[in-house]
């Protein structure tokens, strides 16, 4: 304090603002710590908020010719397009993704399929 100032430092605006900031930051620290404790408790208990693992994909009945190698695949809507190459040449098989059933096959000429 200087000799000419008789003002109480606790009555200044700066002091009150800083005191409010400290209180707010203290509350935020308590909330963050509480969230941390809850997160650890949920992780330790093994519960994951009621989520279930995804359903397994359906088995497909699609069969490629013996010895065929898949050269590319592409998804178009709910269809899976499989391009393959075998001894007779290139072919295409189209499979419904929802039911895993073959929709059609475009086989090379002379293929037994």
N, C-alpha and C. Protein backbone atom coordinates (compact mmCIF):
# COMPACT_ATOMS: atom_id res chain seq x y z
N UNK A 1 0.83 -1.16 0.00
CA UNK A 1 0.00 0.00 0.00
C UNK A 1 0.88 1.23 0.00
N UNK A 2 0.36 2.21 -0.67
CA UNK A 2 1.06 3.48 -0.65
C UNK A 2 0.52 4.32 0.49
N UNK A 3 1.23 5.34 0.82
CA UNK A 3 0.84 6.17 1.97
C UNK A 3 -0.45 6.91 1.73
N UNK A 4 -0.79 7.26 0.46
CA UNK A 4 -1.98 8.05 0.19
C UNK A 4 -3.22 7.21 -0.07
N UNK A 5 -3.13 5.87 -0.11
CA UNK A 5 -4.28 5.03 -0.44
C UNK A 5 -4.77 4.32 0.81
N UNK A 6 -6.04 4.52 1.11
CA UNK A 6 -6.62 3.87 2.28
C UNK A 6 -7.69 2.86 1.85
N UNK A 7 -7.72 2.50 0.55
CA UNK A 7 -8.74 1.60 0.01
C UNK A 7 -8.42 0.15 0.39
N UNK A 8 -9.45 -0.59 0.77
CA UNK A 8 -9.30 -2.00 1.13
C UNK A 8 -9.13 -2.82 -0.15
N UNK A 9 -8.07 -3.62 -0.29
CA UNK A 9 -7.85 -4.38 -1.53
C UNK A 9 -8.96 -5.40 -1.79
N UNK A 10 -9.66 -5.89 -0.77
CA UNK A 10 -10.72 -6.86 -0.96
C UNK A 10 -12.00 -6.23 -1.50
N UNK A 11 -12.08 -4.93 -1.52
CA UNK A 11 -13.27 -4.24 -1.99
C UNK A 11 -13.15 -3.82 -3.45
N UNK A 12 -12.01 -4.07 -4.10
CA UNK A 12 -11.83 -3.62 -5.48
C UNK A 12 -12.56 -4.56 -6.44
N UNK A 13 -12.88 -4.04 -7.60
CA UNK A 13 -13.57 -4.83 -8.63
C UNK A 13 -12.68 -5.96 -9.12
N UNK A 14 -11.42 -5.69 -9.29
CA UNK A 14 -10.49 -6.72 -9.77
C UNK A 14 -10.45 -7.90 -8.81
N UNK A 15 -10.41 -7.63 -7.54
CA UNK A 15 -10.39 -8.70 -6.54
C UNK A 15 -11.65 -9.55 -6.63
N UNK A 16 -12.81 -8.92 -6.76
CA UNK A 16 -14.07 -9.66 -6.82
C UNK A 16 -14.15 -10.50 -8.10
N UNK A 17 -13.68 -9.96 -9.22
CA UNK A 17 -13.69 -10.71 -10.48
C UNK A 17 -12.77 -11.92 -10.39
N UNK A 18 -11.57 -11.71 -9.85
CA UNK A 18 -10.64 -12.83 -9.71
C UNK A 18 -11.18 -13.88 -8.74
N UNK A 19 -11.85 -13.47 -7.69
CA UNK A 19 -12.44 -14.41 -6.75
C UNK A 19 -13.52 -15.24 -7.44
N UNK A 20 -14.35 -14.61 -8.29
CA UNK A 20 -15.38 -15.33 -9.03
C UNK A 20 -14.76 -16.33 -10.01
N UNK A 21 -13.67 -15.93 -10.68
CA UNK A 21 -12.99 -16.82 -11.61
C UNK A 21 -12.44 -18.04 -10.87
N UNK A 22 -11.84 -17.84 -9.72
CA UNK A 22 -11.31 -18.96 -8.93
C UNK A 22 -12.42 -19.90 -8.51
N UNK A 23 -13.55 -19.37 -8.10
CA UNK A 23 -14.68 -20.21 -7.68
C UNK A 23 -15.20 -21.02 -8.87
N UNK A 24 -15.37 -20.37 -10.03
CA UNK A 24 -15.86 -21.07 -11.22
C UNK A 24 -14.89 -22.17 -11.65
N UNK A 25 -13.60 -21.87 -11.67
CA UNK A 25 -12.61 -22.88 -12.04
C UNK A 25 -12.59 -24.03 -11.05
N UNK A 26 -12.78 -23.74 -9.77
CA UNK A 26 -12.86 -24.80 -8.76
C UNK A 26 -14.05 -25.72 -9.01
N UNK A 27 -15.18 -25.14 -9.37
CA UNK A 27 -16.37 -25.96 -9.68
C UNK A 27 -16.11 -26.82 -10.91
N UNK A 28 -15.46 -26.25 -11.93
CA UNK A 28 -15.15 -27.03 -13.14
C UNK A 28 -14.20 -28.18 -12.84
N UNK A 29 -13.24 -27.96 -11.97
CA UNK A 29 -12.32 -29.04 -11.59
C UNK A 29 -13.07 -30.16 -10.88
N UNK A 30 -13.97 -29.81 -9.98
CA UNK A 30 -14.76 -30.82 -9.27
C UNK A 30 -15.63 -31.61 -10.26
N UNK A 31 -16.26 -30.92 -11.22
CA UNK A 31 -17.09 -31.61 -12.21
C UNK A 31 -16.25 -32.54 -13.10
N UNK A 32 -15.09 -32.09 -13.53
CA UNK A 32 -14.22 -32.92 -14.36
C UNK A 32 -13.75 -34.15 -13.60
N UNK A 33 -13.40 -33.97 -12.34
CA UNK A 33 -12.96 -35.11 -11.53
C UNK A 33 -14.11 -36.10 -11.34
N UNK A 34 -15.32 -35.59 -11.13
CA UNK A 34 -16.49 -36.46 -10.99
C UNK A 34 -16.72 -37.26 -12.27
N UNK A 35 -16.61 -36.61 -13.42
CA UNK A 35 -16.78 -37.31 -14.69
C UNK A 35 -15.71 -38.38 -14.87
N UNK A 36 -14.50 -38.10 -14.45
CA UNK A 36 -13.42 -39.08 -14.52
C UNK A 36 -13.73 -40.29 -13.66
N UNK A 37 -14.20 -40.07 -12.44
CA UNK A 37 -14.52 -41.16 -11.53
C UNK A 37 -15.65 -42.01 -12.12
N UNK A 38 -16.69 -41.36 -12.66
CA UNK A 38 -17.80 -42.11 -13.26
C UNK A 38 -17.31 -42.92 -14.46
N UNK A 39 -16.46 -42.34 -15.30
CA UNK A 39 -15.93 -43.05 -16.45
C UNK A 39 -15.13 -44.27 -16.06
N UNK A 40 -14.29 -44.15 -15.04
CA UNK A 40 -13.51 -45.28 -14.57
C UNK A 40 -14.43 -46.35 -13.99
N UNK A 41 -15.45 -45.93 -13.24
CA UNK A 41 -16.38 -46.90 -12.65
C UNK A 41 -17.13 -47.67 -13.72
N UNK A 42 -17.55 -47.00 -14.78
CA UNK A 42 -18.26 -47.69 -15.87
C UNK A 42 -17.33 -48.65 -16.58
N UNK A 43 -16.10 -48.24 -16.82
CA UNK A 43 -15.15 -49.11 -17.51
C UNK A 43 -14.81 -50.34 -16.67
N UNK A 44 -14.62 -50.15 -15.38
CA UNK A 44 -14.28 -51.26 -14.50
C UNK A 44 -15.44 -52.22 -14.35
N UNK A 45 -16.67 -51.70 -14.32
CA UNK A 45 -17.83 -52.57 -14.12
C UNK A 45 -18.13 -53.40 -15.36
N UNK A 46 -17.58 -53.05 -16.50
CA UNK A 46 -17.78 -53.84 -17.71
C UNK A 46 -19.00 -53.44 -18.50
N UNK A 47 -19.80 -52.51 -18.01
CA UNK A 47 -20.97 -52.06 -18.76
C UNK A 47 -20.52 -51.01 -19.77
N UNK A 48 -21.12 -51.06 -20.93
CA UNK A 48 -20.76 -50.10 -21.98
C UNK A 48 -21.99 -49.33 -22.44
N UNK A 49 -22.84 -48.95 -21.57
CA UNK A 49 -23.98 -48.13 -21.93
C UNK A 49 -25.06 -48.89 -22.67
N UNK A 50 -25.14 -50.20 -22.53
CA UNK A 50 -26.20 -50.98 -23.16
C UNK A 50 -25.98 -51.26 -24.63
N UNK A 51 -24.79 -51.07 -25.15
CA UNK A 51 -24.56 -51.38 -26.55
C UNK A 51 -24.38 -52.88 -26.73
N UNK A 52 -24.85 -53.36 -27.84
CA UNK A 52 -24.74 -54.78 -28.15
C UNK A 52 -23.79 -54.96 -29.33
N UNK A 53 -23.10 -56.10 -29.39
CA UNK A 53 -22.22 -56.32 -30.53
C UNK A 53 -23.05 -56.41 -31.81
N UNK A 54 -22.47 -56.06 -32.94
CA UNK A 54 -23.23 -56.12 -34.19
C UNK A 54 -23.62 -57.55 -34.53
N UNK A 55 -24.73 -57.70 -35.22
CA UNK A 55 -25.20 -59.03 -35.62
C UNK A 55 -24.24 -59.61 -36.65
N UNK A 56 -24.03 -60.92 -36.61
CA UNK A 56 -23.12 -61.52 -37.58
C UNK A 56 -23.70 -61.41 -38.99
N UNK A 57 -22.82 -61.31 -39.95
CA UNK A 57 -23.26 -61.22 -41.35
C UNK A 57 -23.87 -62.55 -41.77
N UNK A 58 -24.90 -62.51 -42.61
CA UNK A 58 -25.51 -63.76 -43.05
C UNK A 58 -24.57 -64.55 -43.95
N UNK A 59 -24.72 -65.86 -43.93
CA UNK A 59 -23.93 -66.73 -44.80
C UNK A 59 -24.45 -66.60 -46.22
N UNK A 60 -23.56 -66.62 -47.16
CA UNK A 60 -23.97 -66.50 -48.56
C UNK A 60 -24.01 -67.85 -49.24
N UNK A 61 -24.92 -67.97 -50.19
CA UNK A 61 -25.01 -69.18 -50.99
C UNK A 61 -24.29 -69.00 -52.33
N UNK A 62 -23.65 -67.86 -52.50
CA UNK A 62 -22.96 -67.58 -53.76
C UNK A 62 -21.76 -68.51 -53.90
N UNK A 63 -21.67 -69.13 -55.05
CA UNK A 63 -20.53 -70.00 -55.32
C UNK A 63 -19.91 -69.62 -56.64
N UNK A 64 -18.63 -69.50 -56.64
CA UNK A 64 -17.88 -69.21 -57.86
C UNK A 64 -17.45 -70.52 -58.48
N UNK A 65 -17.17 -70.51 -59.77
CA UNK A 65 -16.69 -71.73 -60.42
C UNK A 65 -15.39 -72.22 -59.77
N UNK A 66 -15.19 -73.50 -59.82
CA UNK A 66 -14.00 -74.11 -59.23
C UNK A 66 -12.74 -73.52 -59.86
N UNK A 67 -11.83 -73.07 -59.04
CA UNK A 67 -10.57 -72.51 -59.51
C UNK A 67 -10.65 -71.03 -59.87
N UNK A 68 -11.81 -70.41 -59.67
CA UNK A 68 -11.96 -68.99 -60.01
C UNK A 68 -11.25 -68.12 -58.98
N UNK A 69 -10.72 -67.03 -59.47
CA UNK A 69 -10.07 -66.06 -58.58
C UNK A 69 -10.83 -64.74 -58.69
N UNK A 70 -11.11 -64.13 -57.53
CA UNK A 70 -11.81 -62.85 -57.51
C UNK A 70 -10.83 -61.77 -57.94
N UNK A 71 -11.21 -61.01 -58.98
CA UNK A 71 -10.33 -59.94 -59.45
C UNK A 71 -10.74 -58.59 -58.90
N UNK A 72 -12.06 -58.41 -58.61
CA UNK A 72 -12.48 -57.16 -57.98
C UNK A 72 -13.88 -57.35 -57.40
N UNK A 73 -14.20 -56.47 -56.46
CA UNK A 73 -15.54 -56.43 -55.87
C UNK A 73 -15.98 -54.98 -55.82
N UNK A 74 -17.30 -54.80 -55.87
CA UNK A 74 -17.85 -53.45 -55.80
C UNK A 74 -19.22 -53.53 -55.16
N UNK A 75 -19.54 -52.54 -54.35
CA UNK A 75 -20.86 -52.48 -53.73
C UNK A 75 -21.68 -51.42 -54.44
N UNK A 76 -22.90 -51.79 -54.80
CA UNK A 76 -23.82 -50.86 -55.46
C UNK A 76 -25.16 -50.99 -54.77
N UNK A 77 -25.46 -50.03 -53.87
CA UNK A 77 -26.69 -50.13 -53.08
C UNK A 77 -26.61 -51.33 -52.16
N UNK A 78 -27.59 -52.23 -52.25
CA UNK A 78 -27.55 -53.44 -51.43
C UNK A 78 -27.10 -54.65 -52.26
N UNK A 79 -26.33 -54.39 -53.29
CA UNK A 79 -25.81 -55.45 -54.15
C UNK A 79 -24.28 -55.50 -54.06
N UNK A 80 -23.74 -56.70 -54.06
CA UNK A 80 -22.29 -56.91 -54.11
C UNK A 80 -21.98 -57.51 -55.47
N UNK A 81 -21.14 -56.84 -56.21
CA UNK A 81 -20.76 -57.30 -57.54
C UNK A 81 -19.36 -57.90 -57.45
N UNK A 82 -19.25 -59.17 -57.77
CA UNK A 82 -17.98 -59.89 -57.69
C UNK A 82 -17.53 -60.21 -59.11
N UNK A 83 -16.38 -59.70 -59.49
CA UNK A 83 -15.79 -60.00 -60.81
C UNK A 83 -14.73 -61.07 -60.57
N UNK A 84 -14.82 -62.15 -61.34
CA UNK A 84 -13.88 -63.25 -61.14
C UNK A 84 -13.27 -63.66 -62.46
N UNK A 85 -12.17 -64.40 -62.39
CA UNK A 85 -11.50 -64.95 -63.57
C UNK A 85 -11.27 -66.43 -63.32
N UNK A 86 -11.66 -67.23 -64.28
CA UNK A 86 -11.39 -68.67 -64.19
C UNK A 86 -10.80 -69.14 -65.52
N UNK A 87 -10.70 -70.44 -65.69
CA UNK A 87 -10.08 -71.00 -66.89
C UNK A 87 -10.84 -70.62 -68.16
N UNK A 88 -12.15 -70.39 -68.06
CA UNK A 88 -12.96 -70.04 -69.23
C UNK A 88 -12.93 -68.55 -69.55
N UNK A 89 -12.47 -67.71 -68.64
CA UNK A 89 -12.43 -66.27 -68.86
C UNK A 89 -12.95 -65.51 -67.65
N UNK A 90 -13.39 -64.27 -67.90
CA UNK A 90 -13.90 -63.42 -66.83
C UNK A 90 -15.41 -63.59 -66.69
N UNK A 91 -15.89 -63.47 -65.44
CA UNK A 91 -17.32 -63.56 -65.17
C UNK A 91 -17.69 -62.61 -64.04
N UNK A 92 -19.00 -62.44 -63.86
CA UNK A 92 -19.51 -61.55 -62.83
C UNK A 92 -20.61 -62.27 -62.07
N UNK A 93 -20.57 -62.16 -60.75
CA UNK A 93 -21.66 -62.68 -59.91
C UNK A 93 -22.19 -61.52 -59.07
N UNK A 94 -23.51 -61.42 -58.99
CA UNK A 94 -24.16 -60.34 -58.24
C UNK A 94 -24.90 -60.98 -57.06
N UNK A 95 -24.65 -60.45 -55.86
CA UNK A 95 -25.20 -61.01 -54.63
C UNK A 95 -25.98 -59.93 -53.89
N UNK A 96 -27.16 -60.28 -53.38
CA UNK A 96 -27.95 -59.37 -52.54
C UNK A 96 -27.32 -59.36 -51.15
N UNK A 97 -26.90 -58.18 -50.68
CA UNK A 97 -26.21 -58.09 -49.39
C UNK A 97 -27.15 -58.39 -48.23
N UNK A 98 -28.41 -57.96 -48.33
CA UNK A 98 -29.36 -58.15 -47.22
C UNK A 98 -29.67 -59.62 -46.97
N UNK A 99 -29.85 -60.39 -48.03
CA UNK A 99 -30.23 -61.80 -47.87
C UNK A 99 -29.06 -62.74 -48.10
N UNK A 100 -27.96 -62.24 -48.64
CA UNK A 100 -26.77 -63.02 -48.97
C UNK A 100 -27.08 -64.09 -50.02
N UNK A 101 -28.05 -63.83 -50.85
CA UNK A 101 -28.43 -64.77 -51.91
C UNK A 101 -27.92 -64.25 -53.26
N UNK A 102 -27.47 -65.17 -54.11
CA UNK A 102 -27.04 -64.73 -55.44
C UNK A 102 -28.23 -64.25 -56.27
N UNK A 103 -28.04 -63.17 -56.99
CA UNK A 103 -29.08 -62.64 -57.86
C UNK A 103 -28.87 -63.14 -59.28
N UNK A 104 -27.64 -63.16 -59.69
CA UNK A 104 -27.36 -63.63 -61.03
C UNK A 104 -25.88 -63.78 -61.28
N UNK A 105 -25.56 -64.53 -62.35
CA UNK A 105 -24.19 -64.77 -62.74
C UNK A 105 -24.06 -64.50 -64.22
N UNK A 106 -23.05 -63.75 -64.58
CA UNK A 106 -22.70 -63.58 -65.99
C UNK A 106 -21.40 -64.36 -66.16
N UNK A 107 -21.54 -65.53 -66.75
CA UNK A 107 -20.39 -66.44 -66.86
C UNK A 107 -19.79 -66.35 -68.26
N UNK A 108 -18.52 -66.68 -68.39
CA UNK A 108 -17.90 -66.69 -69.73
C UNK A 108 -18.54 -67.76 -70.62
N UNK A 109 -18.47 -67.57 -71.93
CA UNK A 109 -19.01 -68.59 -72.84
C UNK A 109 -18.31 -69.91 -72.63
N UNK A 110 -19.09 -70.97 -72.66
CA UNK A 110 -18.53 -72.30 -72.49
C UNK A 110 -18.34 -72.70 -71.04
N UNK A 111 -18.72 -71.81 -70.11
CA UNK A 111 -18.58 -72.14 -68.70
C UNK A 111 -19.71 -73.08 -68.30
N UNK A 112 -19.43 -73.92 -67.36
CA UNK A 112 -20.40 -74.92 -66.95
C UNK A 112 -21.41 -74.39 -65.95
N UNK A 113 -21.29 -73.16 -65.52
CA UNK A 113 -22.19 -72.63 -64.49
C UNK A 113 -23.44 -72.11 -65.03
